[in-house]
Amino acid sequence: MAPKFEIVEGTLRIDGRPSGIPKGFLFVLLARAGWKGEDGPIPFEMIVRLRALDPRFRFLYLPPDIDAAA
């Protein structure tokens, strides 16, 4: 099952848990990926764009799903 990504009160949550990504870094990447600044679910396509924008985000904060490779 794919994880659920959403912005709640300025924090990225993955399956309801805070992600731990620093807010400044997160907001810069979200803006570059086309985020409109609203709380709510984030489409998976935007998560793919976020992973492509910065290697720190891709490998440190949102590593690829292990199940996706299977």
PDB file of N, CA and C in Angstrom:
ATOM      1  N   MET A   1       0.838  -1.164   0.000  1.00  0.00           N
ATOM      2  CA  MET A   1       0.000   0.000   0.000  1.00  0.00           C
ATOM      3  C   MET A   1       0.896   1.245   0.000  1.00  0.00           C
ATOM      4  N   ALA A   2       0.557   2.225  -0.809  1.00  0.00           N
ATOM      5  CA  ALA A   2       1.335   3.460  -0.925  1.00  0.00           C
ATOM      6  C   ALA A   2       1.108   4.342   0.298  1.00  0.00           C
ATOM      7  N   PRO A   3       2.163   5.023   0.761  1.00  0.00           N
ATOM      8  CA  PRO A   3       1.991   5.910   1.902  1.00  0.00           C
ATOM      9  C   PRO A   3       1.152   7.132   1.531  1.00  0.00           C
ATOM     10  N   LYS A   4       0.526   7.722   2.524  1.00  0.00           N
ATOM     11  CA  LYS A   4      -0.299   8.919   2.333  1.00  0.00           C
ATOM     12  C   LYS A   4       0.520  10.130   2.764  1.00  0.00           C
ATOM     13  N   PHE A   5       0.706  11.076   1.846  1.00  0.00           N
ATOM     14  CA  PHE A   5       1.452  12.295   2.118  1.00  0.00           C
ATOM     15  C   PHE A   5       0.475  13.450   2.236  1.00  0.00           C
ATOM     16  N   GLU A   6       0.669  14.286   3.265  1.00  0.00           N
ATOM     17  CA  GLU A   6      -0.188  15.453   3.417  1.00  0.00           C
ATOM     18  C   GLU A   6       0.544  16.531   4.210  1.00  0.00           C
ATOM     19  N   ILE A   7       0.125  17.777   3.978  1.00  0.00           N
ATOM     20  CA  ILE A   7       0.628  18.907   4.747  1.00  0.00           C
ATOM     21  C   ILE A   7      -0.433  19.252   5.780  1.00  0.00           C
ATOM     22  N   VAL A   8      -0.030  19.253   7.051  1.00  0.00           N
ATOM     23  CA  VAL A   8      -0.929  19.595   8.150  1.00  0.00           C
ATOM     24  C   VAL A   8      -0.204  20.616   9.023  1.00  0.00           C
ATOM     25  N   GLU A   9      -0.778  21.814   9.121  1.00  0.00           N
ATOM     26  CA  GLU A   9      -0.203  22.896   9.929  1.00  0.00           C
ATOM     27  C   GLU A   9       1.262  23.138   9.576  1.00  0.00           C
ATOM     28  N   GLY A  10       1.586  23.103   8.296  1.00  0.00           N
ATOM     29  CA  GLY A  10       2.929  23.403   7.825  1.00  0.00           C
ATOM     30  C   GLY A  10       3.941  22.288   7.965  1.00  0.00           C
ATOM     31  N   THR A  11       3.489  21.096   8.299  1.00  0.00           N
ATOM     32  CA  THR A  11       4.382  19.949   8.463  1.00  0.00           C
ATOM     33  C   THR A  11       3.990  18.858   7.485  1.00  0.00           C
ATOM     34  N   LEU A  12       4.986  18.261   6.832  1.00  0.00           N
ATOM     35  CA  LEU A  12       4.708  17.121   5.963  1.00  0.00           C
ATOM     36  C   LEU A  12       4.499  15.898   6.839  1.00  0.00           C
ATOM     37  N   ARG A  13       3.369  15.258   6.647  1.00  0.00           N
ATOM     38  CA  ARG A  13       3.061  14.028   7.391  1.00  0.00           C
ATOM     39  C   ARG A  13       2.972  12.868   6.419  1.00  0.00           C
ATOM     40  N   ILE A  14       3.556  11.764   6.831  1.00  0.00           N
ATOM     41  CA  ILE A  14       3.532  10.541   6.040  1.00  0.00           C
ATOM     42  C   ILE A  14       2.759   9.521   6.851  1.00  0.00           C
ATOM     43  N   ASP A  15       1.629   9.098   6.338  1.00  0.00           N
ATOM     44  CA  ASP A  15       0.719   8.191   7.052  1.00  0.00           C
ATOM     45  C   ASP A  15       0.367   8.725   8.437  1.00  0.00           C
ATOM     46  N   GLY A  16       0.196  10.056   8.535  1.00  0.00           N
ATOM     47  CA  GLY A  16      -0.221  10.675   9.782  1.00  0.00           C
ATOM     48  C   GLY A  16       0.898  11.009  10.748  1.00  0.00           C
ATOM     49  N   ARG A  17       2.129  10.609  10.440  1.00  0.00           N
ATOM     50  CA  ARG A  17       3.265  10.877  11.329  1.00  0.00           C
ATOM     51  C   ARG A  17       4.109  12.017  10.762  1.00  0.00           C
ATOM     52  N   PRO A  18       4.625  12.919  11.619  1.00  0.00           N
ATOM     53  CA  PRO A  18       5.488  14.002  11.125  1.00  0.00           C
ATOM     54  C   PRO A  18       6.740  13.417  10.470  1.00  0.00           C
ATOM     55  N   SER A  19       7.188  14.051   9.393  1.00  0.00           N
ATOM     56  CA  SER A  19       8.326  13.523   8.638  1.00  0.00           C
ATOM     57  C   SER A  19       9.677  13.936   9.208  1.00  0.00           C
ATOM     58  N   GLY A  20       9.748  15.041   9.962  1.00  0.00           N
ATOM     59  CA  GLY A  20      11.023  15.483  10.516  1.00  0.00           C
ATOM     60  C   GLY A  20      11.843  16.338   9.559  1.00  0.00           C
ATOM     61  N   ILE A  21      11.287  16.709   8.425  1.00  0.00           N
ATOM     62  CA  ILE A  21      11.986  17.555   7.460  1.00  0.00           C
ATOM     63  C   ILE A  21      11.943  18.990   7.970  1.00  0.00           C
ATOM     64  N   PRO A  22      13.088  19.679   8.015  1.00  0.00           N
ATOM     65  CA  PRO A  22      13.071  21.080   8.454  1.00  0.00           C
ATOM     66  C   PRO A  22      12.112  21.914   7.594  1.00  0.00           C
ATOM     67  N   LYS A  23      11.294  22.747   8.245  1.00  0.00           N
ATOM     68  CA  LYS A  23      10.245  23.487   7.539  1.00  0.00           C
ATOM     69  C   LYS A  23      10.795  24.386   6.436  1.00  0.00           C
ATOM     70  N   GLY A  24      11.891  25.097   6.687  1.00  0.00           N
ATOM     71  CA  GLY A  24      12.443  25.984   5.667  1.00  0.00           C
ATOM     72  C   GLY A  24      12.825  25.219   4.410  1.00  0.00           C
ATOM     73  N   PHE A  25      13.512  24.115   4.579  1.00  0.00           N
ATOM     74  CA  PHE A  25      13.918  23.269   3.454  1.00  0.00           C
ATOM     75  C   PHE A  25      12.696  22.702   2.745  1.00  0.00           C
ATOM     76  N   LEU A  26      11.738  22.246   3.531  1.00  0.00           N
ATOM     77  CA  LEU A  26      10.518  21.682   2.970  1.00  0.00           C
ATOM     78  C   LEU A  26       9.760  22.713   2.138  1.00  0.00           C
ATOM     79  N   PHE A  27       9.585  23.923   2.669  1.00  0.00           N
ATOM     80  CA  PHE A  27       8.810  24.944   1.957  1.00  0.00           C
ATOM     81  C   PHE A  27       9.485  25.377   0.661  1.00  0.00           C
ATOM     82  N   VAL A  28      10.811  25.475   0.662  1.00  0.00           N
ATOM     83  CA  VAL A  28      11.526  25.838  -0.568  1.00  0.00           C
ATOM     84  C   VAL A  28      11.306  24.770  -1.632  1.00  0.00           C
ATOM     85  N   LEU A  29      11.446  23.508  -1.267  1.00  0.00           N
ATOM     86  CA  LEU A  29      11.251  22.430  -2.243  1.00  0.00           C
ATOM     87  C   LEU A  29       9.799  22.341  -2.701  1.00  0.00           C
ATOM     88  N   LEU A  30       8.860  22.500  -1.776  1.00  0.00           N
ATOM     89  CA  LEU A  30       7.446  22.455  -2.155  1.00  0.00           C
ATOM     90  C   LEU A  30       7.110  23.571  -3.140  1.00  0.00           C
ATOM     91  N   ALA A  31       7.631  24.770  -2.895  1.00  0.00           N
ATOM     92  CA  ALA A  31       7.381  25.883  -3.809  1.00  0.00           C
ATOM     93  C   ALA A  31       7.975  25.592  -5.182  1.00  0.00           C
ATOM     94  N   ARG A  32       9.175  25.035  -5.217  1.00  0.00           N
ATOM     95  CA  ARG A  32       9.811  24.701  -6.500  1.00  0.00           C
ATOM     96  C   ARG A  32       9.054  23.601  -7.241  1.00  0.00           C
ATOM     97  N   ALA A  33       8.363  22.745  -6.488  1.00  0.00           N
ATOM     98  CA  ALA A  33       7.616  21.645  -7.109  1.00  0.00           C
ATOM     99  C   ALA A  33       6.208  22.049  -7.524  1.00  0.00           C
ATOM    100  N   GLY A  34       5.782  23.283  -7.163  1.00  0.00           N
ATOM    101  CA  GLY A  34       4.467  23.748  -7.589  1.00  0.00           C
ATOM    102  C   GLY A  34       3.383  23.726  -6.537  1.00  0.00           C
ATOM    103  N   TRP A  35       3.756  23.584  -5.277  1.00  0.00           N
ATOM    104  CA  TRP A  35       2.775  23.564  -4.189  1.00  0.00           C
ATOM    105  C   TRP A  35       2.131  24.928  -4.059  1.00  0.00           C
ATOM    106  N   LYS A  36       0.838  24.975  -3.803  1.00  0.00           N
ATOM    107  CA  LYS A  36       0.071  26.221  -3.731  1.00  0.00           C
ATOM    108  C   LYS A  36      -0.030  26.799  -2.320  1.00  0.00           C
ATOM    109  N   GLY A  37       0.586  26.182  -1.341  1.00  0.00           N
ATOM    110  CA  GLY A  37       0.587  26.732   0.014  1.00  0.00           C
ATOM    111  C   GLY A  37      -0.607  26.367   0.861  1.00  0.00           C
ATOM    112  N   GLU A  38      -1.316  25.326   0.501  1.00  0.00           N
ATOM    113  CA  GLU A  38      -2.510  24.925   1.246  1.00  0.00           C
ATOM    114  C   GLU A  38      -2.289  23.607   1.966  1.00  0.00           C
ATOM    115  N   ASP A  39      -2.875  23.498   3.157  1.00  0.00           N
ATOM    116  CA  ASP A  39      -2.859  22.222   3.869  1.00  0.00           C
ATOM    117  C   ASP A  39      -3.706  21.213   3.117  1.00  0.00           C
ATOM    118  N   GLY A  40      -3.365  19.949   3.264  1.00  0.00           N
ATOM    119  CA  GLY A  40      -4.146  18.890   2.648  1.00  0.00           C
ATOM    120  C   GLY A  40      -3.255  17.848   2.004  1.00  0.00           C
ATOM    121  N   PRO A  41      -3.865  16.891   1.328  1.00  0.00           N
ATOM    122  CA  PRO A  41      -3.101  15.807   0.705  1.00  0.00           C
ATOM    123  C   PRO A  41      -2.193  16.325  -0.416  1.00  0.00           C
ATOM    124  N   ILE A  42      -1.065  15.646  -0.568  1.00  0.00           N
ATOM    125  CA  ILE A  42      -0.129  15.966  -1.649  1.00  0.00           C
ATOM    126  C   ILE A  42      -0.167  14.807  -2.637  1.00  0.00           C
ATOM    127  N   PRO A  43      -0.380  15.106  -3.918  1.00  0.00           N
ATOM    128  CA  PRO A  43      -0.409  14.021  -4.906  1.00  0.00           C
ATOM    129  C   PRO A  43       0.956  13.343  -5.024  1.00  0.00           C
ATOM    130  N   PHE A  44       0.935  12.068  -5.343  1.00  0.00           N
ATOM    131  CA  PHE A  44       2.176  11.303  -5.453  1.00  0.00           C
ATOM    132  C   PHE A  44       3.096  11.895  -6.518  1.00  0.00           C
ATOM    133  N   GLU A  45       2.531  12.483  -7.570  1.00  0.00           N
ATOM    134  CA  GLU A  45       3.347  13.093  -8.623  1.00  0.00           C
ATOM    135  C   GLU A  45       4.213  14.220  -8.056  1.00  0.00           C
ATOM    136  N   MET A  46       3.693  14.964  -7.085  1.00  0.00           N
ATOM    137  CA  MET A  46       4.487  16.026  -6.476  1.00  0.00           C
ATOM    138  C   MET A  46       5.604  15.439  -5.621  1.00  0.00           C
ATOM    139  N   ILE A  47       5.357  14.331  -4.966  1.00  0.00           N
ATOM    140  CA  ILE A  47       6.408  13.667  -4.181  1.00  0.00           C
ATOM    141  C   ILE A  47       7.527  13.220  -5.114  1.00  0.00           C
ATOM    142  N   VAL A  48       7.182  12.717  -6.277  1.00  0.00           N
ATOM    143  CA  VAL A  48       8.195  12.316  -7.261  1.00  0.00           C
ATOM    144  C   VAL A  48       9.013  13.537  -7.677  1.00  0.00           C
ATOM    145  N   ARG A  49       8.360  14.677  -7.911  1.00  0.00           N
ATOM    146  CA  ARG A  49       9.080  15.907  -8.270  1.00  0.00           C
ATOM    147  C   ARG A  49       9.984  16.362  -7.131  1.00  0.00           C
ATOM    148  N   LEU A  50       9.507  16.268  -5.886  1.00  0.00           N
ATOM    149  CA  LEU A  50      10.333  16.650  -4.739  1.00  0.00           C
ATOM    150  C   LEU A  50      11.585  15.790  -4.658  1.00  0.00           C
ATOM    151  N   ARG A  51      11.434  14.502  -4.863  1.00  0.00           N
ATOM    152  CA  ARG A  51      12.599  13.599  -4.831  1.00  0.00           C
ATOM    153  C   ARG A  51      13.596  13.939  -5.926  1.00  0.00           C
ATOM    154  N   ALA A  52      13.099  14.409  -7.071  1.00  0.00           N
ATOM    155  CA  ALA A  52      13.989  14.741  -8.186  1.00  0.00           C
ATOM    156  C   ALA A  52      14.706  16.077  -7.976  1.00  0.00           C
ATOM    157  N   LEU A  53      14.167  16.965  -7.167  1.00  0.00           N
ATOM    158  CA  LEU A  53      14.732  18.303  -7.002  1.00  0.00           C
ATOM    159  C   LEU A  53      16.020  18.343  -6.189  1.00  0.00           C
ATOM    160  N   ASP A  54      16.130  17.512  -5.184  1.00  0.00           N
ATOM    161  CA  ASP A  54      17.282  17.610  -4.286  1.00  0.00           C
ATOM    162  C   ASP A  54      17.658  16.230  -3.757  1.00  0.00           C
ATOM    163  N   PRO A  55      18.917  15.831  -3.896  1.00  0.00           N
ATOM    164  CA  PRO A  55      19.320  14.496  -3.429  1.00  0.00           C
ATOM    165  C   PRO A  55      19.147  14.312  -1.925  1.00  0.00           C
ATOM    166  N   ARG A  56      19.304  15.386  -1.129  1.00  0.00           N
ATOM    167  CA  ARG A  56      19.108  15.246   0.320  1.00  0.00           C
ATOM    168  C   ARG A  56      17.684  14.822   0.625  1.00  0.00           C
ATOM    169  N   PHE A  57      16.746  15.424  -0.083  1.00  0.00           N
ATOM    170  CA  PHE A  57      15.344  15.081   0.129  1.00  0.00           C
ATOM    171  C   PHE A  57      15.085  13.642  -0.293  1.00  0.00           C
ATOM    172  N   ARG A  58      15.657  13.260  -1.418  1.00  0.00           N
ATOM    173  CA  ARG A  58      15.414  11.925  -1.972  1.00  0.00           C
ATOM    174  C   ARG A  58      15.988  10.823  -1.090  1.00  0.00           C
ATOM    175  N   PHE A  59      17.216  10.991  -0.613  1.00  0.00           N
ATOM    176  CA  PHE A  59      17.870   9.896   0.100  1.00  0.00           C
ATOM    177  C   PHE A  59      17.772   9.990   1.617  1.00  0.00           C
ATOM    178  N   LEU A  60      17.711  11.202   2.145  1.00  0.00           N
ATOM    179  CA  LEU A  60      17.716  11.361   3.595  1.00  0.00           C
ATOM    180  C   LEU A  60      16.314  11.379   4.195  1.00  0.00           C
ATOM    181  N   TYR A  61      15.413  12.152   3.563  1.00  0.00           N
ATOM    182  CA  TYR A  61      14.088  12.340   4.159  1.00  0.00           C
ATOM    183  C   TYR A  61      13.004  11.456   3.567  1.00  0.00           C
ATOM    184  N   LEU A  62      13.043  11.215   2.253  1.00  0.00           N
ATOM    185  CA  LEU A  62      12.027  10.392   1.607  1.00  0.00           C
ATOM    186  C   LEU A  62      12.679   9.346   0.720  1.00  0.00           C
ATOM    187  N   PRO A  63      13.302   8.353   1.327  1.00  0.00           N
ATOM    188  CA  PRO A  63      13.932   7.330   0.506  1.00  0.00           C
ATOM    189  C   PRO A  63      12.874   6.562  -0.303  1.00  0.00           C
ATOM    190  N   PRO A  64      13.270   6.004  -1.444  1.00  0.00           N
ATOM    191  CA  PRO A  64      12.316   5.229  -2.253  1.00  0.00           C
ATOM    192  C   PRO A  64      11.746   4.073  -1.447  1.00  0.00           C
ATOM    193  N   ASP A  65      10.526   3.722  -1.753  1.00  0.00           N
ATOM    194  CA  ASP A  65       9.875   2.594  -1.084  1.00  0.00           C
ATOM    195  C   ASP A  65      10.561   1.292  -1.465  1.00  0.00           C
ATOM    196  N   ILE A  66      10.815   0.448  -0.490  1.00  0.00           N
ATOM    197  CA  ILE A  66      11.428  -0.847  -0.772  1.00  0.00           C
ATOM    198  C   ILE A  66      10.454  -1.718  -1.542  1.00  0.00           C
ATOM    199  N   ASP A  67       9.169  -1.634  -1.210  1.00  0.00           N
ATOM    200  CA  ASP A  67       8.156  -2.452  -1.890  1.00  0.00           C
ATOM    201  C   ASP A  67       7.991  -2.070  -3.348  1.00  0.00           C
ATOM    202  N   ALA A  68       8.287  -0.812  -3.708  1.00  0.00           N
ATOM    203  CA  ALA A  68       8.104  -0.358  -5.071  1.00  0.00           C
ATOM    204  C   ALA A  68       9.059  -1.051  -6.031  1.00  0.00           C
ATOM    205  N   ALA A  69      10.209  -1.504  -5.533  1.00  0.00           N
ATOM    206  CA  ALA A  69      11.191  -2.169  -6.392  1.00  0.00           C
ATOM    207  C   ALA A  69      10.802  -3.613  -6.683  1.00  0.00           C
ATOM    208  N   ALA A  70       9.959  -4.174  -5.875  1.00  0.00           N
ATOM    209  CA  ALA A  70       9.580  -5.584  -6.049  1.00  0.00           C
ATOM    210  C   ALA A  70       8.577  -5.785  -7.162  1.00  0.00           C
TER     211      ALA A  70
END
